[in-house]
Amino acid sequence: MHSHAHSHPLGGHDHHGHGHSHAPPDFGRAFAIGVVLNLAYVGIEAFAGLWYDSMALLADAGHNLSDVAGLLIAWGGLTLARRAPSARYTWGLTRSPILAALANALILFAACGGIIFESVHRLADPLPVSGTVVMLVAAVGVFVNTGTALLFMRGRKGDVNVRGAYLHMLADAGVSAAVVLGGLVIRQTGWTWVDPVLGLAVAAVILRGTWGLLRESLALALDAVPPGIEPGAVNDWLTGLDGVAAVHDLHIWPQGTTGAVLTAHLVMPKGHPGDEALANIAHALHHRFHIGHATLQVETGAEHCRQALAEGFGPEGHQH
């Protein structure tokens, strides 16, 4: 006889441990403000970069434009994730922010390619640049990017999508501050090669920050165990429960960018512990490991596990 216990992410929390809400936080206003501020700054920066032939400003403008696209994608992903489940999309669209974060990373890599190409070209053939203009325009960027980053500070720890927006804006503020210093060097020394070197430095900073976002979003897209959850610890905790002789077919994967789903077979030779006990296990999984939806199947013997091993399933597919 097989039995299941669920801890559902939809709806409220009742006394049986069912239902922990994992609707993504609403950052609609923060995204709207961030998009408007950054679009305005991109216009100013691009105009100044073209007018005064500054590769550092043009590179940063291109970077900020890609960030505007990134903010729009992240905003769209979180908006889609809040849609209610349907008969076809039984989880709703909670995985949309994962795709948004992945798209963001790819866009930033593409932007870096353009920045590096143009910077190398300018390094071979430097153009005269106004250090004063570079300083003033980049100083505006420090305030715009810092202000935008602060809008996402409260959500940076719980959502890879929001964290991506926060880190990008914070990195942009640092890059703009570096461009301010570069403008000062150009103004004092007249070294025009400093400008394309700053463009390359901007690209290096973007690539360094984007690699982590790409790696994490790709892992989530491939159903890796979400960051912050140690599968070995979950397995050990389940195995240590009263009445549990073994655990197998343990799988943990992301429900979106803020939630996790678990399925596991519990071998309990003394018999089914009852619905309330399973509900309590699901409730504990939520509070101990932040797993919002748990499906637990009870088996009274280890026959299924031995059969799985006999059929050639390795330890990758089963945890005992």
C-alpha atoms as a PDB file:
ATOM      1  CA  MET A   1       0.000   0.000   0.000  1.00  0.00           C
ATOM      2  CA  HIS A   2       1.389   3.393  -1.010  1.00  0.00           C
ATOM      3  CA  SER A   3       0.435   6.709   0.470  1.00  0.00           C
ATOM      4  CA  HIS A   4       1.288  10.340  -0.206  1.00  0.00           C
ATOM      5  CA  ALA A   5       1.587  13.545   1.763  1.00  0.00           C
ATOM      6  CA  HIS A   6       1.695  16.953   0.185  1.00  0.00           C
ATOM      7  CA  SER A   7       2.670  20.390   1.339  1.00  0.00           C
ATOM      8  CA  HIS A   8       1.117  22.648  -1.248  1.00  0.00           C
ATOM      9  CA  PRO A   9       2.548  26.059  -2.134  1.00  0.00           C
ATOM     10  CA  LEU A  10      -0.814  27.420  -3.120  1.00  0.00           C
ATOM     11  CA  GLY A  11      -3.404  28.678  -0.734  1.00  0.00           C
ATOM     12  CA  GLY A  12      -3.103  29.242   3.007  1.00  0.00           C
ATOM     13  CA  HIS A  13      -1.415  27.322   5.768  1.00  0.00           C
ATOM     14  CA  ASP A  14      -3.681  24.976   7.702  1.00  0.00           C
ATOM     15  CA  HIS A  15      -3.176  22.892  10.824  1.00  0.00           C
ATOM     16  CA  HIS A  16      -2.157  19.813   8.861  1.00  0.00           C
ATOM     17  CA  GLY A  17       0.960  21.443   7.440  1.00  0.00           C
ATOM     18  CA  HIS A  18      -0.434  21.882   3.948  1.00  0.00           C
ATOM     19  CA  GLY A  19      -0.060  24.991   1.871  1.00  0.00           C
ATOM     20  CA  HIS A  20       2.863  27.355   2.178  1.00  0.00           C
ATOM     21  CA  SER A  21       2.538  30.263  -0.204  1.00  0.00           C
ATOM     22  CA  HIS A  22       5.512  30.891  -2.504  1.00  0.00           C
ATOM     23  CA  ALA A  23       4.102  33.624  -4.707  1.00  0.00           C
ATOM     24  CA  PRO A  24       7.031  35.781  -5.761  1.00  0.00           C
ATOM     25  CA  PRO A  25       7.211  39.215  -4.149  1.00  0.00           C
ATOM     26  CA  ASP A  26       5.776  42.100  -6.118  1.00  0.00           C
ATOM     27  CA  PHE A  27       8.598  44.401  -7.227  1.00  0.00           C
ATOM     28  CA  GLY A  28       6.532  46.041  -9.969  1.00  0.00           C
ATOM     29  CA  ARG A  29       7.062  49.578  -8.689  1.00  0.00           C
ATOM     30  CA  ALA A  30      10.773  49.032  -8.158  1.00  0.00           C
ATOM     31  CA  PHE A  31      11.177  47.703 -11.698  1.00  0.00           C
ATOM     32  CA  ALA A  32       9.158  50.580 -13.173  1.00  0.00           C
ATOM     33  CA  ILE A  33      11.264  53.208 -11.387  1.00  0.00           C
ATOM     34  CA  GLY A  34      14.480  51.404 -12.279  1.00  0.00           C
ATOM     35  CA  VAL A  35      13.569  51.173 -15.976  1.00  0.00           C
ATOM     36  CA  VAL A  36      12.631  54.871 -16.238  1.00  0.00           C
ATOM     37  CA  LEU A  37      15.748  56.087 -14.397  1.00  0.00           C
ATOM     38  CA  ASN A  38      18.104  53.888 -16.388  1.00  0.00           C
ATOM     39  CA  LEU A  39      16.530  54.678 -19.757  1.00  0.00           C
ATOM     40  CA  ALA A  40      16.923  58.386 -19.059  1.00  0.00           C
ATOM     41  CA  TYR A  41      20.539  57.879 -18.045  1.00  0.00           C
ATOM     42  CA  VAL A  42      21.287  55.714 -21.109  1.00  0.00           C
ATOM     43  CA  GLY A  43      20.041  58.559 -23.318  1.00  0.00           C
ATOM     44  CA  ILE A  44      22.271  61.096 -21.571  1.00  0.00           C
ATOM     45  CA  GLU A  45      25.287  58.799 -21.561  1.00  0.00           C
ATOM     46  CA  ALA A  46      24.954  57.709 -25.186  1.00  0.00           C
ATOM     47  CA  PHE A  47      24.535  61.312 -26.375  1.00  0.00           C
ATOM     48  CA  ALA A  48      27.588  62.455 -24.411  1.00  0.00           C
ATOM     49  CA  GLY A  49      29.628  59.460 -25.560  1.00  0.00           C
ATOM     50  CA  LEU A  50      28.851  60.095 -29.244  1.00  0.00           C
ATOM     51  CA  TRP A  51      29.270  63.847 -28.999  1.00  0.00           C
ATOM     52  CA  TYR A  52      32.601  63.693 -27.163  1.00  0.00           C
ATOM     53  CA  ASP A  53      33.906  60.405 -28.651  1.00  0.00           C
ATOM     54  CA  SER A  54      34.171  58.619 -25.306  1.00  0.00           C
ATOM     55  CA  MET A  55      34.388  54.843 -25.550  1.00  0.00           C
ATOM     56  CA  ALA A  56      34.091  54.542 -21.768  1.00  0.00           C
ATOM     57  CA  LEU A  57      30.739  56.365 -21.835  1.00  0.00           C
ATOM     58  CA  LEU A  58      29.483  54.471 -24.909  1.00  0.00           C
ATOM     59  CA  ALA A  59      30.499  51.143 -23.356  1.00  0.00           C
ATOM     60  CA  ASP A  60      28.738  52.005 -20.125  1.00  0.00           C
ATOM     61  CA  ALA A  61      25.681  53.226 -22.063  1.00  0.00           C
ATOM     62  CA  GLY A  62      25.527  49.920 -23.924  1.00  0.00           C
ATOM     63  CA  HIS A  63      25.869  48.079 -20.646  1.00  0.00           C
ATOM     64  CA  ASN A  64      23.118  50.138 -19.031  1.00  0.00           C
ATOM     65  CA  LEU A  65      20.856  49.618 -22.043  1.00  0.00           C
ATOM     66  CA  SER A  66      21.312  45.863 -21.688  1.00  0.00           C
ATOM     67  CA  ASP A  67      20.442  46.275 -18.012  1.00  0.00           C
ATOM     68  CA  VAL A  68      17.217  48.046 -18.971  1.00  0.00           C
ATOM     69  CA  ALA A  69      16.371  45.053 -21.142  1.00  0.00           C
ATOM     70  CA  GLY A  70      17.342  42.839 -18.226  1.00  0.00           C
ATOM     71  CA  LEU A  71      15.093  44.718 -15.829  1.00  0.00           C
ATOM     72  CA  LEU A  72      12.191  44.403 -18.282  1.00  0.00           C
ATOM     73  CA  ILE A  73      12.788  40.661 -18.695  1.00  0.00           C
ATOM     74  CA  ALA A  74      13.090  40.123 -14.936  1.00  0.00           C
ATOM     75  CA  TRP A  75       9.931  42.171 -14.371  1.00  0.00           C
ATOM     76  CA  GLY A  76       8.083  40.129 -16.984  1.00  0.00           C
ATOM     77  CA  GLY A  77       9.298  36.885 -15.428  1.00  0.00           C
ATOM     78  CA  LEU A  78       8.076  37.833 -11.949  1.00  0.00           C
ATOM     79  CA  THR A  79       4.766  39.057 -13.372  1.00  0.00           C
ATOM     80  CA  LEU A  80       4.187  35.761 -15.194  1.00  0.00           C
ATOM     81  CA  ALA A  81       5.158  33.823 -12.062  1.00  0.00           C
ATOM     82  CA  ARG A  82       2.246  35.414 -10.183  1.00  0.00           C
ATOM     83  CA  ARG A  83      -0.353  34.029 -12.601  1.00  0.00           C
ATOM     84  CA  ALA A  84      -2.687  31.418 -11.177  1.00  0.00           C
ATOM     85  CA  PRO A  85      -2.260  27.734 -12.139  1.00  0.00           C
ATOM     86  CA  SER A  86      -4.438  26.337 -14.911  1.00  0.00           C
ATOM     87  CA  ALA A  87      -5.473  22.881 -16.092  1.00  0.00           C
ATOM     88  CA  ARG A  88      -2.497  22.803 -18.477  1.00  0.00           C
ATOM     89  CA  TYR A  89       0.028  24.781 -16.397  1.00  0.00           C
ATOM     90  CA  THR A  90      -0.662  23.116 -13.066  1.00  0.00           C
ATOM     91  CA  TRP A  91       2.188  24.974 -11.347  1.00  0.00           C
ATOM     92  CA  GLY A  92       1.247  28.238 -12.976  1.00  0.00           C
ATOM     93  CA  LEU A  93       4.218  29.981 -14.581  1.00  0.00           C
ATOM     94  CA  THR A  94       6.424  29.964 -11.475  1.00  0.00           C
ATOM     95  CA  ARG A  95       9.532  29.008 -13.486  1.00  0.00           C
ATOM     96  CA  SER A  96       9.351  32.099 -15.691  1.00  0.00           C
ATOM     97  CA  PRO A  97      11.857  34.065 -13.544  1.00  0.00           C
ATOM     98  CA  ILE A  98      14.434  31.289 -14.075  1.00  0.00           C
ATOM     99  CA  LEU A  99      14.202  31.773 -17.834  1.00  0.00           C
ATOM    100  CA  ALA A 100      14.302  35.546 -17.307  1.00  0.00           C
ATOM    101  CA  ALA A 101      17.511  35.311 -15.270  1.00  0.00           C
ATOM    102  CA  LEU A 102      19.063  33.037 -17.909  1.00  0.00           C
ATOM    103  CA  ALA A 103      18.086  35.460 -20.691  1.00  0.00           C
ATOM    104  CA  ASN A 104      19.561  38.332 -18.670  1.00  0.00           C
ATOM    105  CA  ALA A 105      22.907  36.588 -18.398  1.00  0.00           C
ATOM    106  CA  LEU A 106      23.013  35.831 -22.135  1.00  0.00           C
ATOM    107  CA  ILE A 107      22.141  39.447 -23.008  1.00  0.00           C
ATOM    108  CA  LEU A 108      24.938  40.737 -20.791  1.00  0.00           C
ATOM    109  CA  PHE A 109      27.460  38.384 -22.397  1.00  0.00           C
ATOM    110  CA  ALA A 110      26.417  39.638 -25.834  1.00  0.00           C
ATOM    111  CA  ALA A 111      26.766  43.254 -24.676  1.00  0.00           C
ATOM    112  CA  CYS A 112      30.279  42.497 -23.405  1.00  0.00           C
ATOM    113  CA  GLY A 113      31.280  41.192 -26.822  1.00  0.00           C
ATOM    114  CA  GLY A 114      30.333  44.499 -28.458  1.00  0.00           C
ATOM    115  CA  ILE A 115      32.076  46.555 -25.767  1.00  0.00           C
ATOM    116  CA  ILE A 116      35.316  44.547 -26.032  1.00  0.00           C
ATOM    117  CA  PHE A 117      35.348  44.743 -29.830  1.00  0.00           C
ATOM    118  CA  GLU A 118      34.915  48.522 -29.920  1.00  0.00           C
ATOM    119  CA  SER A 119      37.316  49.132 -27.019  1.00  0.00           C
ATOM    120  CA  VAL A 120      40.111  47.161 -28.721  1.00  0.00           C
ATOM    121  CA  HIS A 121      39.506  49.150 -31.911  1.00  0.00           C
ATOM    122  CA  ARG A 122      39.699  52.450 -29.984  1.00  0.00           C
ATOM    123  CA  LEU A 123      42.807  51.277 -28.128  1.00  0.00           C
ATOM    124  CA  ALA A 124      44.595  50.866 -31.470  1.00  0.00           C
ATOM    125  CA  ASP A 125      43.352  54.261 -32.639  1.00  0.00           C
ATOM    126  CA  PRO A 126      42.559  56.489 -29.612  1.00  0.00           C
ATOM    127  CA  LEU A 127      40.370  59.559 -30.039  1.00  0.00           C
ATOM    128  CA  PRO A 128      40.606  62.788 -28.028  1.00  0.00           C
ATOM    129  CA  VAL A 129      38.264  62.644 -25.036  1.00  0.00           C
ATOM    130  CA  SER A 130      37.036  65.297 -22.609  1.00  0.00           C
ATOM    131  CA  GLY A 131      37.888  64.039 -19.151  1.00  0.00           C
ATOM    132  CA  THR A 132      35.559  66.582 -17.553  1.00  0.00           C
ATOM    133  CA  VAL A 133      32.532  65.371 -19.523  1.00  0.00           C
ATOM    134  CA  VAL A 134      33.349  61.730 -18.737  1.00  0.00           C
ATOM    135  CA  MET A 135      33.556  62.589 -15.042  1.00  0.00           C
ATOM    136  CA  LEU A 136      30.276  64.503 -14.911  1.00  0.00           C
ATOM    137  CA  VAL A 137      28.205  61.981 -16.866  1.00  0.00           C
ATOM    138  CA  ALA A 138      29.621  58.996 -14.968  1.00  0.00           C
ATOM    139  CA  ALA A 139      28.936  60.757 -11.657  1.00  0.00           C
ATOM    140  CA  VAL A 140      25.239  60.876 -12.572  1.00  0.00           C
ATOM    141  CA  GLY A 141      25.461  57.121 -13.205  1.00  0.00           C
ATOM    142  CA  VAL A 142      26.767  56.500  -9.698  1.00  0.00           C
ATOM    143  CA  PHE A 143      23.612  58.045  -8.205  1.00  0.00           C
ATOM    144  CA  VAL A 144      21.187  56.454 -10.705  1.00  0.00           C
ATOM    145  CA  ASN A 145      22.597  52.938 -10.344  1.00  0.00           C
ATOM    146  CA  THR A 146      22.970  53.114  -6.572  1.00  0.00           C
ATOM    147  CA  GLY A 147      19.392  54.333  -6.221  1.00  0.00           C
ATOM    148  CA  THR A 148      18.104  51.551  -8.477  1.00  0.00           C
ATOM    149  CA  ALA A 149      20.066  48.900  -6.564  1.00  0.00           C
ATOM    150  CA  LEU A 150      18.543  50.053  -3.276  1.00  0.00           C
ATOM    151  CA  LEU A 151      15.069  49.397  -4.720  1.00  0.00           C
ATOM    152  CA  PHE A 152      15.892  45.668  -4.914  1.00  0.00           C
ATOM    153  CA  MET A 153      17.891  45.333  -1.686  1.00  0.00           C
ATOM    154  CA  ARG A 154      15.108  43.711   0.341  1.00  0.00           C
ATOM    155  CA  GLY A 155      14.599  40.894  -2.193  1.00  0.00           C
ATOM    156  CA  ARG A 156      18.226  40.133  -3.030  1.00  0.00           C
ATOM    157  CA  LYS A 157      18.569  37.115  -0.709  1.00  0.00           C
ATOM    158  CA  GLY A 158      15.438  35.189  -1.624  1.00  0.00           C
ATOM    159  CA  ASP A 159      15.187  35.381  -5.426  1.00  0.00           C
ATOM    160  CA  VAL A 160      17.924  34.846  -8.006  1.00  0.00           C
ATOM    161  CA  ASN A 161      16.026  37.050 -10.453  1.00  0.00           C
ATOM    162  CA  VAL A 162      15.824  40.008  -8.052  1.00  0.00           C
ATOM    163  CA  ARG A 163      19.378  39.358  -6.868  1.00  0.00           C
ATOM    164  CA  GLY A 164      20.525  39.554 -10.484  1.00  0.00           C
ATOM    165  CA  ALA A 165      18.907  42.980 -10.843  1.00  0.00           C
ATOM    166  CA  TYR A 166      20.390  44.141  -7.530  1.00  0.00           C
ATOM    167  CA  LEU A 167      23.929  42.960  -8.306  1.00  0.00           C
ATOM    168  CA  HIS A 168      23.871  44.450 -11.795  1.00  0.00           C
ATOM    169  CA  MET A 169      22.805  47.849 -10.533  1.00  0.00           C
ATOM    170  CA  LEU A 170      25.356  47.745  -7.710  1.00  0.00           C
ATOM    171  CA  ALA A 171      28.118  46.730 -10.132  1.00  0.00           C
ATOM    172  CA  ASP A 172      27.047  49.537 -12.462  1.00  0.00           C
ATOM    173  CA  ALA A 173      27.456  52.038  -9.644  1.00  0.00           C
ATOM    174  CA  GLY A 174      30.989  50.766  -9.070  1.00  0.00           C
ATOM    175  CA  VAL A 175      31.789  50.866 -12.780  1.00  0.00           C
ATOM    176  CA  SER A 176      30.498  54.443 -13.029  1.00  0.00           C
ATOM    177  CA  ALA A 177      32.661  55.411 -10.052  1.00  0.00           C
ATOM    178  CA  ALA A 178      35.683  53.901 -11.829  1.00  0.00           C
ATOM    179  CA  VAL A 179      34.832  55.880 -14.976  1.00  0.00           C
ATOM    180  CA  VAL A 180      34.731  59.060 -12.853  1.00  0.00           C
ATOM    181  CA  LEU A 181      38.283  58.333 -11.696  1.00  0.00           C
ATOM    182  CA  GLY A 182      39.291  57.562 -15.283  1.00  0.00           C
ATOM    183  CA  GLY A 183      37.900  60.897 -16.419  1.00  0.00           C
ATOM    184  CA  LEU A 184      39.994  62.590 -13.743  1.00  0.00           C
ATOM    185  CA  VAL A 185      43.130  60.815 -15.025  1.00  0.00           C
ATOM    186  CA  ILE A 186      42.367  61.862 -18.620  1.00  0.00           C
ATOM    187  CA  ARG A 187      41.793  65.440 -17.497  1.00  0.00           C
ATOM    188  CA  GLN A 188      45.062  65.628 -15.565  1.00  0.00           C
ATOM    189  CA  THR A 189      47.345  63.713 -17.956  1.00  0.00           C
ATOM    190  CA  GLY A 190      45.718  63.839 -21.401  1.00  0.00           C
ATOM    191  CA  TRP A 191      46.200  60.069 -21.781  1.00  0.00           C
ATOM    192  CA  THR A 192      43.436  59.229 -24.284  1.00  0.00           C
ATOM    193  CA  TRP A 193      44.226  55.488 -24.134  1.00  0.00           C
ATOM    194  CA  VAL A 194      42.760  55.443 -20.620  1.00  0.00           C
ATOM    195  CA  ASP A 195      39.262  55.711 -22.149  1.00  0.00           C
ATOM    196  CA  PRO A 196      39.249  52.419 -24.156  1.00  0.00           C
ATOM    197  CA  VAL A 197      41.065  50.696 -21.276  1.00  0.00           C
ATOM    198  CA  LEU A 198      38.144  51.728 -19.060  1.00  0.00           C
ATOM    199  CA  GLY A 199      35.815  50.225 -21.666  1.00  0.00           C
ATOM    200  CA  LEU A 200      37.645  46.905 -21.338  1.00  0.00           C
ATOM    201  CA  ALA A 201      37.531  47.202 -17.543  1.00  0.00           C
ATOM    202  CA  VAL A 202      33.758  47.711 -17.712  1.00  0.00           C
ATOM    203  CA  ALA A 203      33.440  44.538 -19.805  1.00  0.00           C
ATOM    204  CA  ALA A 204      35.609  42.573 -17.349  1.00  0.00           C
ATOM    205  CA  VAL A 205      33.465  43.627 -14.393  1.00  0.00           C
ATOM    206  CA  ILE A 206      30.271  42.684 -16.245  1.00  0.00           C
ATOM    207  CA  LEU A 207      31.632  39.277 -17.261  1.00  0.00           C
ATOM    208  CA  ARG A 208      32.751  38.478 -13.736  1.00  0.00           C
ATOM    209  CA  GLY A 209      29.362  39.297 -12.245  1.00  0.00           C
ATOM    210  CA  THR A 210      27.384  37.706 -15.061  1.00  0.00           C
ATOM    211  CA  TRP A 211      29.173  34.347 -14.895  1.00  0.00           C
ATOM    212  CA  GLY A 212      27.713  33.597 -11.464  1.00  0.00           C
ATOM    213  CA  LEU A 213      24.218  34.585 -12.619  1.00  0.00           C
ATOM    214  CA  LEU A 214      24.512  32.410 -15.741  1.00  0.00           C
ATOM    215  CA  ARG A 215      25.754  29.416 -13.748  1.00  0.00           C
ATOM    216  CA  GLU A 216      23.016  29.662 -11.116  1.00  0.00           C
ATOM    217  CA  SER A 217      20.149  30.329 -13.538  1.00  0.00           C
ATOM    218  CA  LEU A 218      21.303  27.504 -15.832  1.00  0.00           C
ATOM    219  CA  ALA A 219      21.470  25.127 -12.863  1.00  0.00           C
ATOM    220  CA  LEU A 220      17.913  26.073 -11.851  1.00  0.00           C
ATOM    221  CA  ALA A 221      16.718  25.637 -15.452  1.00  0.00           C
ATOM    222  CA  LEU A 222      18.203  22.116 -15.392  1.00  0.00           C
ATOM    223  CA  ASP A 223      16.332  21.279 -12.147  1.00  0.00           C
ATOM    224  CA  ALA A 224      19.397  21.303  -9.895  1.00  0.00           C
ATOM    225  CA  VAL A 225      18.784  21.378  -6.152  1.00  0.00           C
ATOM    226  CA  PRO A 226      18.220  25.078  -5.302  1.00  0.00           C
ATOM    227  CA  PRO A 227      21.047  26.951  -3.537  1.00  0.00           C
ATOM    228  CA  GLY A 228      20.786  26.819   0.231  1.00  0.00           C
ATOM    229  CA  ILE A 229      19.357  23.287   0.321  1.00  0.00           C
ATOM    230  CA  GLU A 230      21.795  20.453   1.043  1.00  0.00           C
ATOM    231  CA  PRO A 231      20.274  17.194  -0.316  1.00  0.00           C
ATOM    232  CA  GLY A 232      22.469  15.069   1.957  1.00  0.00           C
ATOM    233  CA  ALA A 233      21.140  16.899   5.009  1.00  0.00           C
ATOM    234  CA  VAL A 234      17.555  16.403   3.850  1.00  0.00           C
ATOM    235  CA  ASN A 235      18.188  12.702   3.253  1.00  0.00           C
ATOM    236  CA  ASP A 236      19.812  12.276   6.671  1.00  0.00           C
ATOM    237  CA  TRP A 237      16.975  14.095   8.410  1.00  0.00           C
ATOM    238  CA  LEU A 238      14.301  11.972   6.716  1.00  0.00           C
ATOM    239  CA  THR A 239      16.250   8.765   7.424  1.00  0.00           C
ATOM    240  CA  GLY A 240      16.515   9.731  11.104  1.00  0.00           C
ATOM    241  CA  LEU A 241      12.751  10.080  11.586  1.00  0.00           C
ATOM    242  CA  ASP A 242      10.993   7.588  13.866  1.00  0.00           C
ATOM    243  CA  GLY A 243       9.823   4.565  11.918  1.00  0.00           C
ATOM    244  CA  VAL A 244      11.835   5.345   8.769  1.00  0.00           C
ATOM    245  CA  ALA A 245      14.228   2.517   7.898  1.00  0.00           C
ATOM    246  CA  ALA A 246      15.437   3.960   4.567  1.00  0.00           C
ATOM    247  CA  VAL A 247      14.817   6.717   2.033  1.00  0.00           C
ATOM    248  CA  HIS A 248      15.075   6.373  -1.731  1.00  0.00           C
ATOM    249  CA  ASP A 249      13.953   8.164  -4.890  1.00  0.00           C
ATOM    250  CA  LEU A 250      14.686  11.473  -3.195  1.00  0.00           C
ATOM    251  CA  HIS A 251      14.415  14.341  -5.668  1.00  0.00           C
ATOM    252  CA  ILE A 252      14.561  18.077  -4.959  1.00  0.00           C
ATOM    253  CA  TRP A 253      14.162  20.694  -7.673  1.00  0.00           C
ATOM    254  CA  PRO A 254      13.229  24.394  -7.969  1.00  0.00           C
ATOM    255  CA  GLN A 255       9.609  25.429  -8.216  1.00  0.00           C
ATOM    256  CA  GLY A 256      10.740  28.837  -9.437  1.00  0.00           C
ATOM    257  CA  THR A 257      13.373  31.232  -8.157  1.00  0.00           C
ATOM    258  CA  THR A 258      12.020  31.222  -4.588  1.00  0.00           C
ATOM    259  CA  GLY A 259      10.540  27.774  -3.901  1.00  0.00           C
ATOM    260  CA  ALA A 260      11.490  24.092  -3.957  1.00  0.00           C
ATOM    261  CA  VAL A 261       9.702  20.795  -4.549  1.00  0.00           C
ATOM    262  CA  LEU A 262      10.548  17.392  -3.047  1.00  0.00           C
ATOM    263  CA  THR A 263       9.480  13.820  -3.709  1.00  0.00           C
ATOM    264  CA  ALA A 264      10.720  10.857  -1.692  1.00  0.00           C
ATOM    265  CA  HIS A 265       9.894   7.247  -0.864  1.00  0.00           C
ATOM    266  CA  LEU A 266      10.006   6.457   2.853  1.00  0.00           C
ATOM    267  CA  VAL A 267      10.504   2.807   3.811  1.00  0.00           C
ATOM    268  CA  MET A 268       8.536   2.325   7.064  1.00  0.00           C
ATOM    269  CA  PRO A 269       8.384  -1.400   8.010  1.00  0.00           C
ATOM    270  CA  LYS A 270       6.043  -0.760  10.969  1.00  0.00           C
ATOM    271  CA  GLY A 271       3.362   0.544   8.660  1.00  0.00           C
ATOM    272  CA  HIS A 272       1.811   3.806   7.589  1.00  0.00           C
ATOM    273  CA  PRO A 273       2.215   6.467  10.325  1.00  0.00           C
ATOM    274  CA  GLY A 274      -1.026   8.237   9.459  1.00  0.00           C
ATOM    275  CA  ASP A 275      -1.906  11.361   7.484  1.00  0.00           C
ATOM    276  CA  GLU A 276      -1.179  13.735  10.351  1.00  0.00           C
ATOM    277  CA  ALA A 277       2.365  12.393  10.778  1.00  0.00           C
ATOM    278  CA  LEU A 278       3.083  12.839   7.071  1.00  0.00           C
ATOM    279  CA  ALA A 279       1.623  16.326   7.166  1.00  0.00           C
ATOM    280  CA  ASN A 280       3.929  17.152  10.079  1.00  0.00           C
ATOM    281  CA  ILE A 281       6.923  15.887   8.102  1.00  0.00           C
ATOM    282  CA  ALA A 282       5.945  18.086   5.154  1.00  0.00           C
ATOM    283  CA  HIS A 283       5.518  21.046   7.491  1.00  0.00           C
ATOM    284  CA  ALA A 284       8.959  20.431   9.029  1.00  0.00           C
ATOM    285  CA  LEU A 285      10.547  20.176   5.564  1.00  0.00           C
ATOM    286  CA  HIS A 286       9.201  23.628   4.801  1.00  0.00           C
ATOM    287  CA  HIS A 287      10.519  25.254   7.954  1.00  0.00           C
ATOM    288  CA  ARG A 288      13.837  23.395   8.154  1.00  0.00           C
ATOM    289  CA  PHE A 289      14.810  23.351   4.481  1.00  0.00           C
ATOM    290  CA  HIS A 290      12.451  25.861   2.800  1.00  0.00           C
ATOM    291  CA  ILE A 291      10.846  23.120   0.715  1.00  0.00           C
ATOM    292  CA  GLY A 292       7.309  24.332   0.040  1.00  0.00           C
ATOM    293  CA  HIS A 293       5.802  21.280  -1.664  1.00  0.00           C
ATOM    294  CA  ALA A 294       6.647  17.765  -0.475  1.00  0.00           C
ATOM    295  CA  THR A 295       5.226  14.500  -1.836  1.00  0.00           C
ATOM    296  CA  LEU A 296       6.040  11.550   0.438  1.00  0.00           C
ATOM    297  CA  GLN A 297       5.306   7.957  -0.566  1.00  0.00           C
ATOM    298  CA  VAL A 298       5.259   5.363   2.220  1.00  0.00           C
ATOM    299  CA  GLU A 299       6.434   1.790   1.607  1.00  0.00           C
ATOM    300  CA  THR A 300       6.263  -0.910   4.280  1.00  0.00           C
ATOM    301  CA  GLY A 301       9.257  -2.872   2.922  1.00  0.00           C
ATOM    302  CA  ALA A 302      12.443  -2.460   0.918  1.00  0.00           C
ATOM    303  CA  GLU A 303      11.368  -4.679  -2.004  1.00  0.00           C
ATOM    304  CA  HIS A 304      10.981  -1.744  -4.373  1.00  0.00           C
ATOM    305  CA  CYS A 305      14.418  -0.396  -3.540  1.00  0.00           C
ATOM    306  CA  ARG A 306      16.113  -3.789  -4.043  1.00  0.00           C
ATOM    307  CA  GLN A 307      14.264  -4.222  -7.332  1.00  0.00           C
ATOM    308  CA  ALA A 308      15.433  -0.813  -8.531  1.00  0.00           C
ATOM    309  CA  LEU A 309      19.055  -1.751  -7.812  1.00  0.00           C
ATOM    310  CA  ALA A 310      18.629  -5.096  -9.555  1.00  0.00           C
ATOM    311  CA  GLU A 311      17.324  -3.320 -12.662  1.00  0.00           C
ATOM    312  CA  GLY A 312      20.502  -1.267 -12.874  1.00  0.00           C
ATOM    313  CA  PHE A 313      19.502   2.086 -11.429  1.00  0.00           C
ATOM    314  CA  GLY A 314      22.629   3.609  -9.939  1.00  0.00           C
ATOM    315  CA  PRO A 315      23.026   5.873  -6.954  1.00  0.00           C
ATOM    316  CA  GLU A 316      22.462   8.904  -9.183  1.00  0.00           C
ATOM    317  CA  GLY A 317      18.778   8.077  -9.465  1.00  0.00           C
ATOM    318  CA  HIS A 318      18.181   6.739  -5.961  1.00  0.00           C
ATOM    319  CA  GLN A 319      19.336   7.657  -2.500  1.00  0.00           C
ATOM    320  CA  HIS A 320      19.201   4.884   0.100  1.00  0.00           C
END
